């Protein structure tokens, strides 16, 4: 279970209705680099709990809670430096070959965009 990263809403406490209000979500990498881990902001696009498939989110690791993932932030993984395709596959519950295919498509898109910018 994730630790409680909430603060009490003082007005609600005064009224006898103690609701929890989440802490403000980080806006930049600098705001979250030393933040709580596992990361509690599952809706962040860098969080590894959900993956988007055909425009719909799906859990990366069905059956696990966000705090049970081996890693929760893709930026933390990137900050550590080079990582091989097999390790990426383990983090995302994908095969090494599938990671290689995704990498290949992403690089092709980047190269196409660079060529378009150079032609302008």
C-alpha atoms as a PDB file:
ATOM      1  CA  UNK A   1       0.000   0.000   0.000  1.00  0.00           C
ATOM      2  CA  UNK A   2       1.252   3.502  -0.809  1.00  0.00           C
ATOM      3  CA  UNK A   3       2.215   5.696   2.127  1.00  0.00           C
ATOM      4  CA  UNK A   4      -0.236   8.491   2.929  1.00  0.00           C
ATOM      5  CA  UNK A   5       1.073  11.551   1.071  1.00  0.00           C
ATOM      6  CA  UNK A   6      -1.961  13.662   1.952  1.00  0.00           C
ATOM      7  CA  UNK A   7      -2.544  16.643   4.169  1.00  0.00           C
ATOM      8  CA  UNK A   8      -5.665  17.416   6.132  1.00  0.00           C
ATOM      9  CA  UNK A   9      -7.913  20.156   4.872  1.00  0.00           C
ATOM     10  CA  UNK A  10      -8.025  22.452   7.935  1.00  0.00           C
ATOM     11  CA  UNK A  11     -11.473  23.869   7.109  1.00  0.00           C
ATOM     12  CA  UNK A  12     -12.876  20.356   6.866  1.00  0.00           C
ATOM     13  CA  UNK A  13     -11.312  19.439  10.211  1.00  0.00           C
ATOM     14  CA  UNK A  14     -12.934  22.513  11.816  1.00  0.00           C
ATOM     15  CA  UNK A  15     -16.316  21.416  10.416  1.00  0.00           C
ATOM     16  CA  UNK A  16     -15.842  17.873  11.683  1.00  0.00           C
ATOM     17  CA  UNK A  17     -15.472  16.501   8.138  1.00  0.00           C
ATOM     18  CA  UNK A  18     -11.780  15.564   7.930  1.00  0.00           C
ATOM     19  CA  UNK A  19     -11.240  14.960   4.209  1.00  0.00           C
ATOM     20  CA  UNK A  20      -7.774  14.340   2.853  1.00  0.00           C
ATOM     21  CA  UNK A  21      -6.470  16.671   0.172  1.00  0.00           C
ATOM     22  CA  UNK A  22      -3.600  15.435  -1.983  1.00  0.00           C
ATOM     23  CA  UNK A  23      -0.294  17.276  -1.962  1.00  0.00           C
ATOM     24  CA  UNK A  24       0.288  19.487  -4.993  1.00  0.00           C
ATOM     25  CA  UNK A  25       1.489  17.483  -7.967  1.00  0.00           C
ATOM     26  CA  UNK A  26       5.012  18.345  -9.182  1.00  0.00           C
ATOM     27  CA  UNK A  27       5.101  20.501 -12.315  1.00  0.00           C
ATOM     28  CA  UNK A  28       8.717  19.899 -13.349  1.00  0.00           C
ATOM     29  CA  UNK A  29      11.296  17.142 -13.051  1.00  0.00           C
ATOM     30  CA  UNK A  30      13.118  19.318 -10.540  1.00  0.00           C
ATOM     31  CA  UNK A  31      10.009  19.318  -8.328  1.00  0.00           C
ATOM     32  CA  UNK A  32       9.810  15.532  -8.199  1.00  0.00           C
ATOM     33  CA  UNK A  33      13.389  14.294  -8.546  1.00  0.00           C
ATOM     34  CA  UNK A  34      13.741  13.950  -4.766  1.00  0.00           C
ATOM     35  CA  UNK A  35      10.057  13.299  -4.178  1.00  0.00           C
ATOM     36  CA  UNK A  36       8.481  10.306  -2.493  1.00  0.00           C
ATOM     37  CA  UNK A  37       9.123   6.874  -3.994  1.00  0.00           C
ATOM     38  CA  UNK A  38       7.238   4.889  -5.026  1.00  0.00           C
ATOM     39  CA  UNK A  39       5.753   7.816  -6.884  1.00  0.00           C
ATOM     40  CA  UNK A  40       2.159   8.477  -5.749  1.00  0.00           C
ATOM     41  CA  UNK A  41       1.150  10.401  -8.916  1.00  0.00           C
ATOM     42  CA  UNK A  42      -0.075   7.494 -11.053  1.00  0.00           C
ATOM     43  CA  UNK A  43      -1.693   9.862 -13.580  1.00  0.00           C
ATOM     44  CA  UNK A  44       1.697  11.399 -14.480  1.00  0.00           C
ATOM     45  CA  UNK A  45       2.690  10.550 -18.046  1.00  0.00           C
ATOM     46  CA  UNK A  46       6.072   9.330 -16.808  1.00  0.00           C
ATOM     47  CA  UNK A  47       4.617   6.913 -14.252  1.00  0.00           C
ATOM     48  CA  UNK A  48       5.079   3.265 -15.197  1.00  0.00           C
ATOM     49  CA  UNK A  49       1.810   1.946 -13.730  1.00  0.00           C
ATOM     50  CA  UNK A  50      -0.281   2.606 -16.851  1.00  0.00           C
ATOM     51  CA  UNK A  51       0.525   2.175 -20.521  1.00  0.00           C
ATOM     52  CA  UNK A  52      -1.632   3.612 -23.284  1.00  0.00           C
ATOM     53  CA  UNK A  53      -2.877   1.066 -25.817  1.00  0.00           C
ATOM     54  CA  UNK A  54      -5.009   2.347 -28.691  1.00  0.00           C
ATOM     55  CA  UNK A  55      -5.802   5.482 -26.712  1.00  0.00           C
ATOM     56  CA  UNK A  56      -6.925   3.622 -23.600  1.00  0.00           C
ATOM     57  CA  UNK A  57      -4.886   3.160 -20.416  1.00  0.00           C
ATOM     58  CA  UNK A  58      -4.069  -0.367 -19.308  1.00  0.00           C
ATOM     59  CA  UNK A  59      -2.104  -1.427 -16.262  1.00  0.00           C
ATOM     60  CA  UNK A  60       1.481  -2.279 -17.168  1.00  0.00           C
ATOM     61  CA  UNK A  61       1.508  -5.011 -14.531  1.00  0.00           C
ATOM     62  CA  UNK A  62      -2.029  -6.408 -14.066  1.00  0.00           C
ATOM     63  CA  UNK A  63      -2.547  -7.665 -10.544  1.00  0.00           C
ATOM     64  CA  UNK A  64       0.033  -5.361  -8.940  1.00  0.00           C
ATOM     65  CA  UNK A  65      -0.592  -2.155  -7.042  1.00  0.00           C
ATOM     66  CA  UNK A  66       1.447   0.966  -7.990  1.00  0.00           C
ATOM     67  CA  UNK A  67       3.680   0.610  -4.932  1.00  0.00           C
ATOM     68  CA  UNK A  68       4.520  -2.996  -5.864  1.00  0.00           C
ATOM     69  CA  UNK A  69       6.170  -2.096  -9.198  1.00  0.00           C
ATOM     70  CA  UNK A  70       9.938  -2.542  -9.488  1.00  0.00           C
ATOM     71  CA  UNK A  71      10.134   1.091 -10.726  1.00  0.00           C
ATOM     72  CA  UNK A  72       7.452   3.772 -10.807  1.00  0.00           C
ATOM     73  CA  UNK A  73       9.017   6.630 -12.795  1.00  0.00           C
ATOM     74  CA  UNK A  74      10.491   6.383 -16.298  1.00  0.00           C
ATOM     75  CA  UNK A  75      12.540   9.517 -15.621  1.00  0.00           C
ATOM     76  CA  UNK A  76      14.252   7.839 -12.654  1.00  0.00           C
ATOM     77  CA  UNK A  77      15.213   4.980 -14.967  1.00  0.00           C
ATOM     78  CA  UNK A  78      16.508   7.434 -17.598  1.00  0.00           C
ATOM     79  CA  UNK A  79      18.539   9.351 -14.991  1.00  0.00           C
ATOM     80  CA  UNK A  80      20.503   6.208 -14.174  1.00  0.00           C
ATOM     81  CA  UNK A  81      21.889   6.149 -17.711  1.00  0.00           C
ATOM     82  CA  UNK A  82      22.096   3.398 -20.291  1.00  0.00           C
ATOM     83  CA  UNK A  83      19.807   0.409 -19.927  1.00  0.00           C
ATOM     84  CA  UNK A  84      19.510  -2.572 -22.246  1.00  0.00           C
ATOM     85  CA  UNK A  85      16.366  -3.673 -24.067  1.00  0.00           C
ATOM     86  CA  UNK A  86      15.858  -6.715 -21.852  1.00  0.00           C
ATOM     87  CA  UNK A  87      15.832  -4.551 -18.704  1.00  0.00           C
ATOM     88  CA  UNK A  88      13.356  -2.132 -20.288  1.00  0.00           C
ATOM     89  CA  UNK A  89      11.192  -5.109 -21.202  1.00  0.00           C
ATOM     90  CA  UNK A  90      11.206  -6.307 -17.586  1.00  0.00           C
ATOM     91  CA  UNK A  91      10.135  -2.853 -16.374  1.00  0.00           C
ATOM     92  CA  UNK A  92       7.269  -2.661 -18.874  1.00  0.00           C
ATOM     93  CA  UNK A  93       6.333  -6.351 -18.895  1.00  0.00           C
ATOM     94  CA  UNK A  94       7.255  -6.617 -22.603  1.00  0.00           C
ATOM     95  CA  UNK A  95       9.586  -8.886 -24.515  1.00  0.00           C
ATOM     96  CA  UNK A  96      12.991  -7.640 -25.577  1.00  0.00           C
ATOM     97  CA  UNK A  97      11.907  -7.957 -29.211  1.00  0.00           C
ATOM     98  CA  UNK A  98       8.805  -5.807 -28.643  1.00  0.00           C
ATOM     99  CA  UNK A  99      10.946  -3.120 -26.993  1.00  0.00           C
ATOM    100  CA  UNK A 100      13.291  -3.245 -30.004  1.00  0.00           C
ATOM    101  CA  UNK A 101      10.320  -2.799 -32.383  1.00  0.00           C
ATOM    102  CA  UNK A 102       9.045   0.199 -30.406  1.00  0.00           C
ATOM    103  CA  UNK A 103      12.528   1.717 -30.339  1.00  0.00           C
ATOM    104  CA  UNK A 104      12.867   1.243 -34.105  1.00  0.00           C
ATOM    105  CA  UNK A 105       9.514   2.930 -34.813  1.00  0.00           C
ATOM    106  CA  UNK A 106      10.319   5.816 -32.481  1.00  0.00           C
ATOM    107  CA  UNK A 107      13.709   6.412 -34.100  1.00  0.00           C
ATOM    108  CA  UNK A 108      12.136   6.310 -37.580  1.00  0.00           C
ATOM    109  CA  UNK A 109       9.590   8.934 -36.523  1.00  0.00           C
ATOM    110  CA  UNK A 110      12.326  11.135 -35.091  1.00  0.00           C
ATOM    111  CA  UNK A 111      14.421  10.891 -38.245  1.00  0.00           C
ATOM    112  CA  UNK A 112      11.402  11.714 -40.413  1.00  0.00           C
ATOM    113  CA  UNK A 113      10.635  14.774 -38.295  1.00  0.00           C
ATOM    114  CA  UNK A 114      14.264  15.937 -38.425  1.00  0.00           C
ATOM    115  CA  UNK A 115      14.222  15.633 -42.215  1.00  0.00           C
ATOM    116  CA  UNK A 116      10.969  17.624 -42.383  1.00  0.00           C
ATOM    117  CA  UNK A 117      12.483  20.386 -40.251  1.00  0.00           C
ATOM    118  CA  UNK A 118      15.621  20.481 -42.399  1.00  0.00           C
ATOM    119  CA  UNK A 119      13.514  20.788 -45.572  1.00  0.00           C
ATOM    120  CA  UNK A 120      11.660  23.845 -44.249  1.00  0.00           C
END
